Amino acid sequence: MNYNEEIADIQSDMLNEMPSEYSKVKGNWLWEMFKAFSVKIYDFL
């Protein structure tokens, strides 16, 4: 697995934990925020 795939997996896990009433579309504020968090979390692994 490469860097981008692992970050995408982390982001996907976080998005899946959010209730369905929130939009999880790419580019949405939630998607962007979780992308940034995923990059930082990956740095700790």
PDB file of N, CA and C in Angstrom:
ATOM      1  N   MET A   1       0.859  -1.181   0.000  1.00  0.00           N
ATOM      2  CA  MET A   1       0.000   0.000   0.000  1.00  0.00           C
ATOM      3  C   MET A   1       0.897   1.233   0.000  1.00  0.00           C
ATOM      4  N   ASN A   2       0.526   2.226  -0.776  1.00  0.00           N
ATOM      5  CA  ASN A   2       1.350   3.425  -0.812  1.00  0.00           C
ATOM      6  C   ASN A   2       0.772   4.535   0.057  1.00  0.00           C
ATOM      7  N   TYR A   3       1.520   5.607   0.137  1.00  0.00           N
ATOM      8  CA  TYR A   3       1.170   6.762   0.968  1.00  0.00           C
ATOM      9  C   TYR A   3      -0.258   7.235   0.729  1.00  0.00           C
ATOM     10  N   ASN A   4      -0.623   7.481  -0.525  1.00  0.00           N
ATOM     11  CA  ASN A   4      -1.953   8.009  -0.840  1.00  0.00           C
ATOM     12  C   ASN A   4      -3.074   7.030  -0.504  1.00  0.00           C
ATOM     13  N   GLU A   5      -2.843   5.753  -0.712  1.00  0.00           N
ATOM     14  CA  GLU A   5      -3.863   4.756  -0.392  1.00  0.00           C
ATOM     15  C   GLU A   5      -4.094   4.669   1.114  1.00  0.00           C
ATOM     16  N   GLU A   6      -3.020   4.741   1.893  1.00  0.00           N
ATOM     17  CA  GLU A   6      -3.163   4.660   3.345  1.00  0.00           C
ATOM     18  C   GLU A   6      -3.882   5.888   3.893  1.00  0.00           C
ATOM     19  N   ILE A   7      -3.566   7.055   3.368  1.00  0.00           N
ATOM     20  CA  ILE A   7      -4.256   8.279   3.788  1.00  0.00           C
ATOM     21  C   ILE A   7      -5.733   8.199   3.408  1.00  0.00           C
ATOM     22  N   ALA A   8      -6.022   7.722   2.214  1.00  0.00           N
ATOM     23  CA  ALA A   8      -7.411   7.577   1.777  1.00  0.00           C
ATOM     24  C   ALA A   8      -8.173   6.602   2.667  1.00  0.00           C
ATOM     25  N   ASP A   9      -7.497   5.539   3.125  1.00  0.00           N
ATOM     26  CA  ASP A   9      -8.135   4.582   4.028  1.00  0.00           C
ATOM     27  C   ASP A   9      -8.467   5.223   5.368  1.00  0.00           C
ATOM     28  N   ILE A  10      -7.542   6.010   5.906  1.00  0.00           N
ATOM     29  CA  ILE A  10      -7.781   6.702   7.171  1.00  0.00           C
ATOM     30  C   ILE A  10      -8.957   7.661   7.014  1.00  0.00           C
ATOM     31  N   GLN A  11      -8.938   8.429   5.938  1.00  0.00           N
ATOM     32  CA  GLN A  11     -10.013   9.393   5.685  1.00  0.00           C
ATOM     33  C   GLN A  11     -11.354   8.684   5.522  1.00  0.00           C
ATOM     34  N   SER A  12     -11.359   7.611   4.796  1.00  0.00           N
ATOM     35  CA  SER A  12     -12.590   6.850   4.582  1.00  0.00           C
ATOM     36  C   SER A  12     -13.160   6.326   5.898  1.00  0.00           C
ATOM     37  N   ASP A  13     -12.289   5.826   6.761  1.00  0.00           N
ATOM     38  CA  ASP A  13     -12.740   5.337   8.074  1.00  0.00           C
ATOM     39  C   ASP A  13     -13.395   6.459   8.869  1.00  0.00           C
ATOM     40  N   MET A  14     -12.795   7.643   8.866  1.00  0.00           N
ATOM     41  CA  MET A  14     -13.358   8.770   9.608  1.00  0.00           C
ATOM     42  C   MET A  14     -14.699   9.196   9.014  1.00  0.00           C
ATOM     43  N   LEU A  15     -14.783   9.254   7.692  1.00  0.00           N
ATOM     44  CA  LEU A  15     -16.039   9.648   7.050  1.00  0.00           C
ATOM     45  C   LEU A  15     -17.145   8.637   7.324  1.00  0.00           C
ATOM     46  N   ASN A  16     -16.784   7.365   7.366  1.00  0.00           N
ATOM     47  CA  ASN A  16     -17.783   6.321   7.637  1.00  0.00           C
ATOM     48  C   ASN A  16     -18.357   6.410   9.039  1.00  0.00           C
ATOM     49  N   GLU A  17     -17.609   6.996   9.953  1.00  0.00           N
ATOM     50  CA  GLU A  17     -18.078   7.140  11.334  1.00  0.00           C
ATOM     51  C   GLU A  17     -19.033   8.326  11.507  1.00  0.00           C
ATOM     52  N   MET A  18     -19.090   9.202  10.540  1.00  0.00           N
ATOM     53  CA  MET A  18     -19.968  10.370  10.622  1.00  0.00           C
ATOM     54  C   MET A  18     -21.397   9.971  10.279  1.00  0.00           C
ATOM     55  N   PRO A  19     -22.376  10.569  10.951  1.00  0.00           N
ATOM     56  CA  PRO A  19     -23.781  10.283  10.630  1.00  0.00           C
ATOM     57  C   PRO A  19     -24.102  10.625   9.173  1.00  0.00           C
ATOM     58  N   SER A  20     -25.069   9.928   8.616  1.00  0.00           N
ATOM     59  CA  SER A  20     -25.399  10.080   7.196  1.00  0.00           C
ATOM     60  C   SER A  20     -26.008  11.434   6.847  1.00  0.00           C
ATOM     61  N   GLU A  21     -26.446  12.197   7.839  1.00  0.00           N
ATOM     62  CA  GLU A  21     -27.043  13.496   7.511  1.00  0.00           C
ATOM     63  C   GLU A  21     -25.998  14.527   7.081  1.00  0.00           C
ATOM     64  N   TYR A  22     -24.704  14.210   7.274  1.00  0.00           N
ATOM     65  CA  TYR A  22     -23.639  15.108   6.825  1.00  0.00           C
ATOM     66  C   TYR A  22     -23.208  14.719   5.415  1.00  0.00           C
ATOM     67  N   SER A  23     -22.992  15.726   4.585  1.00  0.00           N
ATOM     68  CA  SER A  23     -22.505  15.483   3.229  1.00  0.00           C
ATOM     69  C   SER A  23     -21.044  15.060   3.287  1.00  0.00           C
ATOM     70  N   LYS A  24     -20.723  13.990   2.568  1.00  0.00           N
ATOM     71  CA  LYS A  24     -19.355  13.472   2.551  1.00  0.00           C
ATOM     72  C   LYS A  24     -18.771  13.527   1.142  1.00  0.00           C
ATOM     73  N   VAL A  25     -19.303  14.423   0.325  1.00  0.00           N
ATOM     74  CA  VAL A  25     -18.891  14.560  -1.063  1.00  0.00           C
ATOM     75  C   VAL A  25     -17.484  15.164  -1.127  1.00  0.00           C
ATOM     76  N   LYS A  26     -16.676  14.654  -2.052  1.00  0.00           N
ATOM     77  CA  LYS A  26     -15.326  15.190  -2.234  1.00  0.00           C
ATOM     78  C   LYS A  26     -15.402  16.691  -2.466  1.00  0.00           C
ATOM     79  N   GLY A  27     -14.578  17.427  -1.732  1.00  0.00           N
ATOM     80  CA  GLY A  27     -14.558  18.882  -1.850  1.00  0.00           C
ATOM     81  C   GLY A  27     -15.393  19.584  -0.792  1.00  0.00           C
ATOM     82  N   ASN A  28     -16.283  18.841  -0.145  1.00  0.00           N
ATOM     83  CA  ASN A  28     -17.092  19.389   0.933  1.00  0.00           C
ATOM     84  C   ASN A  28     -16.182  19.704   2.112  1.00  0.00           C
ATOM     85  N   TRP A  29     -16.601  20.611   2.996  1.00  0.00           N
ATOM     86  CA  TRP A  29     -15.757  21.013   4.130  1.00  0.00           C
ATOM     87  C   TRP A  29     -15.371  19.830   5.004  1.00  0.00           C
ATOM     88  N   LEU A  30     -16.289  18.880   5.211  1.00  0.00           N
ATOM     89  CA  LEU A  30     -16.000  17.725   6.047  1.00  0.00           C
ATOM     90  C   LEU A  30     -14.961  16.825   5.382  1.00  0.00           C
ATOM     91  N   TRP A  31     -15.113  16.606   4.093  1.00  0.00           N
ATOM     92  CA  TRP A  31     -14.172  15.784   3.332  1.00  0.00           C
ATOM     93  C   TRP A  31     -12.781  16.413   3.394  1.00  0.00           C
ATOM     94  N   GLU A  32     -12.704  17.732   3.184  1.00  0.00           N
ATOM     95  CA  GLU A  32     -11.422  18.435   3.194  1.00  0.00           C
ATOM     96  C   GLU A  32     -10.778  18.397   4.579  1.00  0.00           C
ATOM     97  N   MET A  33     -11.572  18.598   5.616  1.00  0.00           N
ATOM     98  CA  MET A  33     -11.046  18.589   6.979  1.00  0.00           C
ATOM     99  C   MET A  33     -10.487  17.203   7.322  1.00  0.00           C
ATOM    100  N   PHE A  34     -11.224  16.157   6.988  1.00  0.00           N
ATOM    101  CA  PHE A  34     -10.752  14.810   7.278  1.00  0.00           C
ATOM    102  C   PHE A  34      -9.532  14.443   6.447  1.00  0.00           C
ATOM    103  N   LYS A  35      -9.410  14.996   5.256  1.00  0.00           N
ATOM    104  CA  LYS A  35      -8.219  14.752   4.439  1.00  0.00           C
ATOM    105  C   LYS A  35      -6.992  15.308   5.149  1.00  0.00           C
ATOM    106  N   ALA A  36      -7.114  16.538   5.654  1.00  0.00           N
ATOM    107  CA  ALA A  36      -5.998  17.158   6.375  1.00  0.00           C
ATOM    108  C   ALA A  36      -5.650  16.367   7.631  1.00  0.00           C
ATOM    109  N   PHE A  37      -6.650  15.946   8.391  1.00  0.00           N
ATOM    110  CA  PHE A  37      -6.410  15.145   9.590  1.00  0.00           C
ATOM    111  C   PHE A  37      -5.742  13.818   9.223  1.00  0.00           C
ATOM    112  N   SER A  38      -6.164  13.220   8.133  1.00  0.00           N
ATOM    113  CA  SER A  38      -5.619  11.929   7.709  1.00  0.00           C
ATOM    114  C   SER A  38      -4.132  12.028   7.402  1.00  0.00           C
ATOM    115  N   VAL A  39      -3.730  13.113   6.759  1.00  0.00           N
ATOM    116  CA  VAL A  39      -2.319  13.319   6.451  1.00  0.00           C
ATOM    117  C   VAL A  39      -1.504  13.404   7.737  1.00  0.00           C
ATOM    118  N   LYS A  40      -2.001  14.151   8.715  1.00  0.00           N
ATOM    119  CA  LYS A  40      -1.295  14.297   9.988  1.00  0.00           C
ATOM    120  C   LYS A  40      -1.274  12.989  10.780  1.00  0.00           C
ATOM    121  N   ILE A  41      -2.383  12.275  10.783  1.00  0.00           N
ATOM    122  CA  ILE A  41      -2.432  10.982  11.482  1.00  0.00           C
ATOM    123  C   ILE A  41      -1.426  10.024  10.850  1.00  0.00           C
ATOM    124  N   TYR A  42      -1.343  10.024   9.526  1.00  0.00           N
ATOM    125  CA  TYR A  42      -0.403   9.147   8.828  1.00  0.00           C
ATOM    126  C   TYR A  42       1.033   9.429   9.276  1.00  0.00           C
ATOM    127  N   ASP A  43       1.339  10.704   9.522  1.00  0.00           N
ATOM    128  CA  ASP A  43       2.692  11.066   9.964  1.00  0.00           C
ATOM    129  C   ASP A  43       3.044  10.420  11.303  1.00  0.00           C
ATOM    130  N   PHE A  44       2.060  10.103  12.134  1.00  0.00           N
ATOM    131  CA  PHE A  44       2.304   9.488  13.428  1.00  0.00           C
ATOM    132  C   PHE A  44       2.457   7.963  13.347  1.00  0.00           C
ATOM    133  N   LEU A  45       2.053   7.377  12.238  1.00  0.00           N
ATOM    134  CA  LEU A  45       2.118   5.921  12.112  1.00  0.00           C
ATOM    135  C   LEU A  45       3.522   5.420  11.833  1.00  0.00           C
TER     136      LEU A  45
END
